[in-house]
């Protein structure tokens, strides 16, 4: 015989997990997107592009 279905418990667990993930995504996103590494990388790539353009001219 199959186990009993508990839709309310499943719904509460699902909602709780989603709430926890939603509350933690903002700090994680900010940490990843605004990490100083990306600014340094962007600046380095800009300098490389400018050097390549100057060298090609």
PDB file of N, CA and C in Angstrom:
ATOM      1  N   UNK A   1       0.852  -1.186   0.000  1.00  0.00           N
ATOM      2  CA  UNK A   1       0.000   0.000   0.000  1.00  0.00           C
ATOM      3  C   UNK A   1       0.892   1.242   0.000  1.00  0.00           C
ATOM      4  N   UNK A   2       0.590   2.222  -0.844  1.00  0.00           N
ATOM      5  CA  UNK A   2       1.438   3.422  -0.919  1.00  0.00           C
ATOM      6  C   UNK A   2       1.355   4.252   0.364  1.00  0.00           C
ATOM      7  N   UNK A   3       2.388   5.062   0.558  1.00  0.00           N
ATOM      8  CA  UNK A   3       2.414   5.906   1.753  1.00  0.00           C
ATOM      9  C   UNK A   3       1.347   6.992   1.649  1.00  0.00           C
ATOM     10  N   UNK A   4       1.036   7.568   2.806  1.00  0.00           N
ATOM     11  CA  UNK A   4       0.023   8.633   2.832  1.00  0.00           C
ATOM     12  C   UNK A   4       0.573   9.915   2.202  1.00  0.00           C
ATOM     13  N   UNK A   5      -0.257  10.582   1.480  1.00  0.00           N
ATOM     14  CA  UNK A   5       0.114  11.860   0.890  1.00  0.00           C
ATOM     15  C   UNK A   5      -0.153  12.965   1.918  1.00  0.00           C
ATOM     16  N   UNK A   6       0.817  13.849   2.060  1.00  0.00           N
ATOM     17  CA  UNK A   6       0.649  14.977   2.987  1.00  0.00           C
ATOM     18  C   UNK A   6       0.914  16.276   2.221  1.00  0.00           C
ATOM     19  N   UNK A   7      -0.081  16.734   1.473  1.00  0.00           N
ATOM     20  CA  UNK A   7       0.146  17.898   0.617  1.00  0.00           C
ATOM     21  C   UNK A   7       0.445  19.182   1.396  1.00  0.00           C
ATOM     22  N   UNK A   8      -0.135  19.343   2.572  1.00  0.00           N
ATOM     23  CA  UNK A   8       0.105  20.577   3.335  1.00  0.00           C
ATOM     24  C   UNK A   8       1.553  20.623   3.821  1.00  0.00           C
ATOM     25  N   UNK A   9       2.058  19.500   4.314  1.00  0.00           N
ATOM     26  CA  UNK A   9       3.452  19.452   4.769  1.00  0.00           C
ATOM     27  C   UNK A   9       4.391  19.715   3.602  1.00  0.00           C
ATOM     28  N   UNK A  10       4.109  19.088   2.463  1.00  0.00           N
ATOM     29  CA  UNK A  10       4.946  19.291   1.282  1.00  0.00           C
ATOM     30  C   UNK A  10       4.917  20.757   0.841  1.00  0.00           C
ATOM     31  N   UNK A  11       3.759  21.360   0.874  1.00  0.00           N
ATOM     32  CA  UNK A  11       3.640  22.764   0.489  1.00  0.00           C
ATOM     33  C   UNK A  11       4.417  23.666   1.439  1.00  0.00           C
ATOM     34  N   UNK A  12       4.327  23.400   2.732  1.00  0.00           N
ATOM     35  CA  UNK A  12       5.060  24.206   3.708  1.00  0.00           C
ATOM     36  C   UNK A  12       6.566  24.047   3.557  1.00  0.00           C
ATOM     37  N   UNK A  13       7.022  22.832   3.327  1.00  0.00           N
ATOM     38  CA  UNK A  13       8.460  22.601   3.131  1.00  0.00           C
ATOM     39  C   UNK A  13       8.928  23.305   1.862  1.00  0.00           C
ATOM     40  N   UNK A  14       8.173  23.142   0.787  1.00  0.00           N
ATOM     41  CA  UNK A  14       8.522  23.787  -0.483  1.00  0.00           C
ATOM     42  C   UNK A  14       8.583  25.309  -0.327  1.00  0.00           C
ATOM     43  N   UNK A  15       7.588  25.888   0.324  1.00  0.00           N
ATOM     44  CA  UNK A  15       7.558  27.333   0.540  1.00  0.00           C
ATOM     45  C   UNK A  15       8.721  27.778   1.421  1.00  0.00           C
ATOM     46  N   UNK A  16       9.015  27.012   2.465  1.00  0.00           N
ATOM     47  CA  UNK A  16      10.123  27.360   3.356  1.00  0.00           C
ATOM     48  C   UNK A  16      11.462  27.330   2.645  1.00  0.00           C
ATOM     49  N   UNK A  17      11.679  26.317   1.822  1.00  0.00           N
ATOM     50  CA  UNK A  17      12.942  26.227   1.079  1.00  0.00           C
ATOM     51  C   UNK A  17      13.060  27.390   0.104  1.00  0.00           C
ATOM     52  N   UNK A  18      11.990  27.696  -0.603  1.00  0.00           N
ATOM     53  CA  UNK A  18      12.024  28.816  -1.541  1.00  0.00           C
ATOM     54  C   UNK A  18      12.260  30.141  -0.827  1.00  0.00           C
ATOM     55  N   UNK A  19      11.661  30.314   0.321  1.00  0.00           N
ATOM     56  CA  UNK A  19      11.863  31.540   1.086  1.00  0.00           C
ATOM     57  C   UNK A  19      13.318  31.673   1.530  1.00  0.00           C
ATOM     58  N   UNK A  20      13.889  30.578   2.002  1.00  0.00           N
ATOM     59  CA  UNK A  20      15.298  30.598   2.418  1.00  0.00           C
ATOM     60  C   UNK A  20      16.202  30.927   1.232  1.00  0.00           C
ATOM     61  N   UNK A  21      15.953  30.325   0.085  1.00  0.00           N
ATOM     62  CA  UNK A  21      16.766  30.606  -1.098  1.00  0.00           C
ATOM     63  C   UNK A  21      16.591  32.054  -1.552  1.00  0.00           C
ATOM     64  N   UNK A  22      15.376  32.540  -1.521  1.00  0.00           N
ATOM     65  CA  UNK A  22      15.108  33.916  -1.938  1.00  0.00           C
ATOM     66  C   UNK A  22      15.825  34.916  -1.029  1.00  0.00           C
ATOM     67  N   UNK A  23      15.849  34.636   0.281  1.00  0.00           N
ATOM     68  CA  UNK A  23      16.490  35.560   1.222  1.00  0.00           C
ATOM     69  C   UNK A  23      18.005  35.540   1.125  1.00  0.00           C
ATOM     70  N   UNK A  24      18.573  34.452   0.634  1.00  0.00           N
ATOM     71  CA  UNK A  24      20.037  34.380   0.557  1.00  0.00           C
ATOM     72  C   UNK A  24      20.571  34.768  -0.810  1.00  0.00           C
ATOM     73  N   UNK A  25      19.729  34.890  -1.826  1.00  0.00           N
ATOM     74  CA  UNK A  25      20.246  35.169  -3.166  1.00  0.00           C
ATOM     75  C   UNK A  25      20.761  36.599  -3.294  1.00  0.00           C
ATOM     76  N   UNK A  26      20.155  37.551  -2.641  1.00  0.00           N
ATOM     77  CA  UNK A  26      20.578  38.941  -2.777  1.00  0.00           C
ATOM     78  C   UNK A  26      22.006  39.172  -2.268  1.00  0.00           C
ATOM     79  N   UNK A  27      22.364  38.750  -1.057  1.00  0.00           N
ATOM     80  CA  UNK A  27      23.752  38.946  -0.624  1.00  0.00           C
ATOM     81  C   UNK A  27      24.756  38.170  -1.477  1.00  0.00           C
ATOM     82  N   UNK A  28      24.370  36.981  -1.930  1.00  0.00           N
ATOM     83  CA  UNK A  28      25.272  36.195  -2.774  1.00  0.00           C
ATOM     84  C   UNK A  28      25.467  36.907  -4.108  1.00  0.00           C
ATOM     85  N   UNK A  29      24.387  37.388  -4.695  1.00  0.00           N
ATOM     86  CA  UNK A  29      24.469  38.114  -5.965  1.00  0.00           C
ATOM     87  C   UNK A  29      25.351  39.354  -5.813  1.00  0.00           C
ATOM     88  N   UNK A  30      25.138  40.121  -4.755  1.00  0.00           N
ATOM     89  CA  UNK A  30      25.946  41.322  -4.535  1.00  0.00           C
ATOM     90  C   UNK A  30      27.417  40.978  -4.366  1.00  0.00           C
ATOM     91  N   UNK A  31      27.704  39.926  -3.618  1.00  0.00           N
ATOM     92  CA  UNK A  31      29.093  39.531  -3.401  1.00  0.00           C
ATOM     93  C   UNK A  31      29.759  39.138  -4.715  1.00  0.00           C
ATOM     94  N   UNK A  32      29.066  38.350  -5.510  1.00  0.00           N
ATOM     95  CA  UNK A  32      29.649  37.854  -6.761  1.00  0.00           C
ATOM     96  C   UNK A  32      29.774  38.980  -7.784  1.00  0.00           C
ATOM     97  N   UNK A  33      28.731  39.762  -7.960  1.00  0.00           N
ATOM     98  CA  UNK A  33      28.724  40.758  -9.029  1.00  0.00           C
ATOM     99  C   UNK A  33      29.556  41.994  -8.711  1.00  0.00           C
ATOM    100  N   UNK A  34      29.673  42.348  -7.458  1.00  0.00           N
ATOM    101  CA  UNK A  34      30.408  43.557  -7.101  1.00  0.00           C
ATOM    102  C   UNK A  34      31.752  43.253  -6.463  1.00  0.00           C
ATOM    103  N   UNK A  35      32.263  42.051  -6.693  1.00  0.00           N
ATOM    104  CA  UNK A  35      33.568  41.670  -6.172  1.00  0.00           C
ATOM    105  C   UNK A  35      34.644  42.465  -6.909  1.00  0.00           C
ATOM    106  N   UNK A  36      35.676  42.942  -6.218  1.00  0.00           N
ATOM    107  CA  UNK A  36      36.715  43.755  -6.868  1.00  0.00           C
ATOM    108  C   UNK A  36      37.404  43.048  -8.035  1.00  0.00           C
ATOM    109  N   UNK A  37      37.398  41.726  -8.051  1.00  0.00           N
ATOM    110  CA  UNK A  37      38.015  40.986  -9.154  1.00  0.00           C
ATOM    111  C   UNK A  37      37.443  41.433 -10.490  1.00  0.00           C
ATOM    112  N   UNK A  38      36.130  41.627 -10.577  1.00  0.00           N
ATOM    113  CA  UNK A  38      35.507  41.961 -11.847  1.00  0.00           C
ATOM    114  C   UNK A  38      35.927  43.351 -12.310  1.00  0.00           C
ATOM    115  N   UNK A  39      36.068  44.277 -11.380  1.00  0.00           N
ATOM    116  CA  UNK A  39      36.505  45.624 -11.747  1.00  0.00           C
ATOM    117  C   UNK A  39      37.940  45.583 -12.276  1.00  0.00           C
ATOM    118  N   UNK A  40      38.822  44.844 -11.608  1.00  0.00           N
ATOM    119  CA  UNK A  40      40.199  44.713 -12.085  1.00  0.00           C
ATOM    120  C   UNK A  40      40.244  44.048 -13.450  1.00  0.00           C
ATOM    121  N   UNK A  41      39.423  43.024 -13.624  1.00  0.00           N
ATOM    122  CA  UNK A  41      39.397  42.304 -14.908  1.00  0.00           C
ATOM    123  C   UNK A  41      38.895  43.216 -16.024  1.00  0.00           C
ATOM    124  N   UNK A  42      37.851  43.981 -15.741  1.00  0.00           N
ATOM    125  CA  UNK A  42      37.306  44.903 -16.733  1.00  0.00           C
ATOM    126  C   UNK A  42      38.359  45.939 -17.137  1.00  0.00           C
ATOM    127  N   UNK A  43      39.081  46.473 -16.150  1.00  0.00           N
ATOM    128  CA  UNK A  43      40.110  47.472 -16.422  1.00  0.00           C
ATOM    129  C   UNK A  43      41.263  46.857 -17.219  1.00  0.00           C
ATOM    130  N   UNK A  44      41.673  45.655 -16.862  1.00  0.00           N
ATOM    131  CA  UNK A  44      42.753  44.980 -17.580  1.00  0.00           C
ATOM    132  C   UNK A  44      42.370  44.713 -19.036  1.00  0.00           C
ATOM    133  N   UNK A  45      41.143  44.273 -19.252  1.00  0.00           N
ATOM    134  CA  UNK A  45      40.692  44.003 -20.626  1.00  0.00           C
ATOM    135  C   UNK A  45      40.599  45.291 -21.444  1.00  0.00           C
ATOM    136  N   UNK A  46      40.176  46.379 -20.806  1.00  0.00           N
ATOM    137  CA  UNK A  46      40.109  47.660 -21.509  1.00  0.00           C
ATOM    138  C   UNK A  46      41.502  48.100 -21.946  1.00  0.00           C
ATOM    139  N   UNK A  47      42.481  47.954 -21.043  1.00  0.00           N
ATOM    140  CA  UNK A  47      43.861  48.324 -21.382  1.00  0.00           C
ATOM    141  C   UNK A  47      44.403  47.440 -22.502  1.00  0.00           C
ATOM    142  N   UNK A  48      44.083  46.153 -22.458  1.00  0.00           N
ATOM    143  CA  UNK A  48      44.536  45.245 -23.518  1.00  0.00           C
ATOM    144  C   UNK A  48      43.930  45.641 -24.863  1.00  0.00           C
ATOM    145  N   UNK A  49      42.650  45.993 -24.875  1.00  0.00           N
ATOM    146  CA  UNK A  49      42.000  46.426 -26.121  1.00  0.00           C
ATOM    147  C   UNK A  49      42.643  47.704 -26.662  1.00  0.00           C
ATOM    148  N   UNK A  50      42.883  48.659 -25.751  1.00  0.00           N
ATOM    149  CA  UNK A  50      43.505  49.913 -26.187  1.00  0.00           C
ATOM    150  C   UNK A  50      44.904  49.675 -26.724  1.00  0.00           C
ATOM    151  N   UNK A  51      45.672  48.790 -26.085  1.00  0.00           N
ATOM    152  CA  UNK A  51      47.025  48.480 -26.547  1.00  0.00           C
ATOM    153  C   UNK A  51      46.981  47.802 -27.914  1.00  0.00           C
ATOM    154  N   UNK A  52      46.022  46.904 -28.116  1.00  0.00           N
ATOM    155  CA  UNK A  52      45.891  46.224 -29.408  1.00  0.00           C
ATOM    156  C   UNK A  52      45.504  47.206 -30.507  1.00  0.00           C
ATOM    157  N   UNK A  53      44.618  48.140 -30.197  1.00  0.00           N
ATOM    158  CA  UNK A  53      44.233  49.143 -31.193  1.00  0.00           C
ATOM    159  C   UNK A  53      45.396  50.079 -31.526  1.00  0.00           C
ATOM    160  N   UNK A  54      46.153  50.474 -30.511  1.00  0.00           N
ATOM    161  CA  UNK A  54      47.295  51.357 -30.730  1.00  0.00           C
ATOM    162  C   UNK A  54      48.383  50.643 -31.528  1.00  0.00           C
ATOM    163  N   UNK A  55      48.582  49.381 -31.258  1.00  0.00           N
ATOM    164  CA  UNK A  55      49.594  48.587 -31.944  1.00  0.00           C
ATOM    165  C   UNK A  55      49.203  48.351 -33.406  1.00  0.00           C
ATOM    166  N   UNK A  56      47.922  48.171 -33.659  1.00  0.00           N
ATOM    167  CA  UNK A  56      47.431  47.914 -35.010  1.00  0.00           C
ATOM    168  C   UNK A  56      47.428  49.137 -35.899  1.00  0.00           C
ATOM    169  N   UNK A  57      47.417  50.312 -35.317  1.00  0.00           N
ATOM    170  CA  UNK A  57      47.340  51.547 -36.126  1.00  0.00           C
ATOM    171  C   UNK A  57      48.683  51.934 -36.686  1.00  0.00           C
TER     172      UNK A  57
END
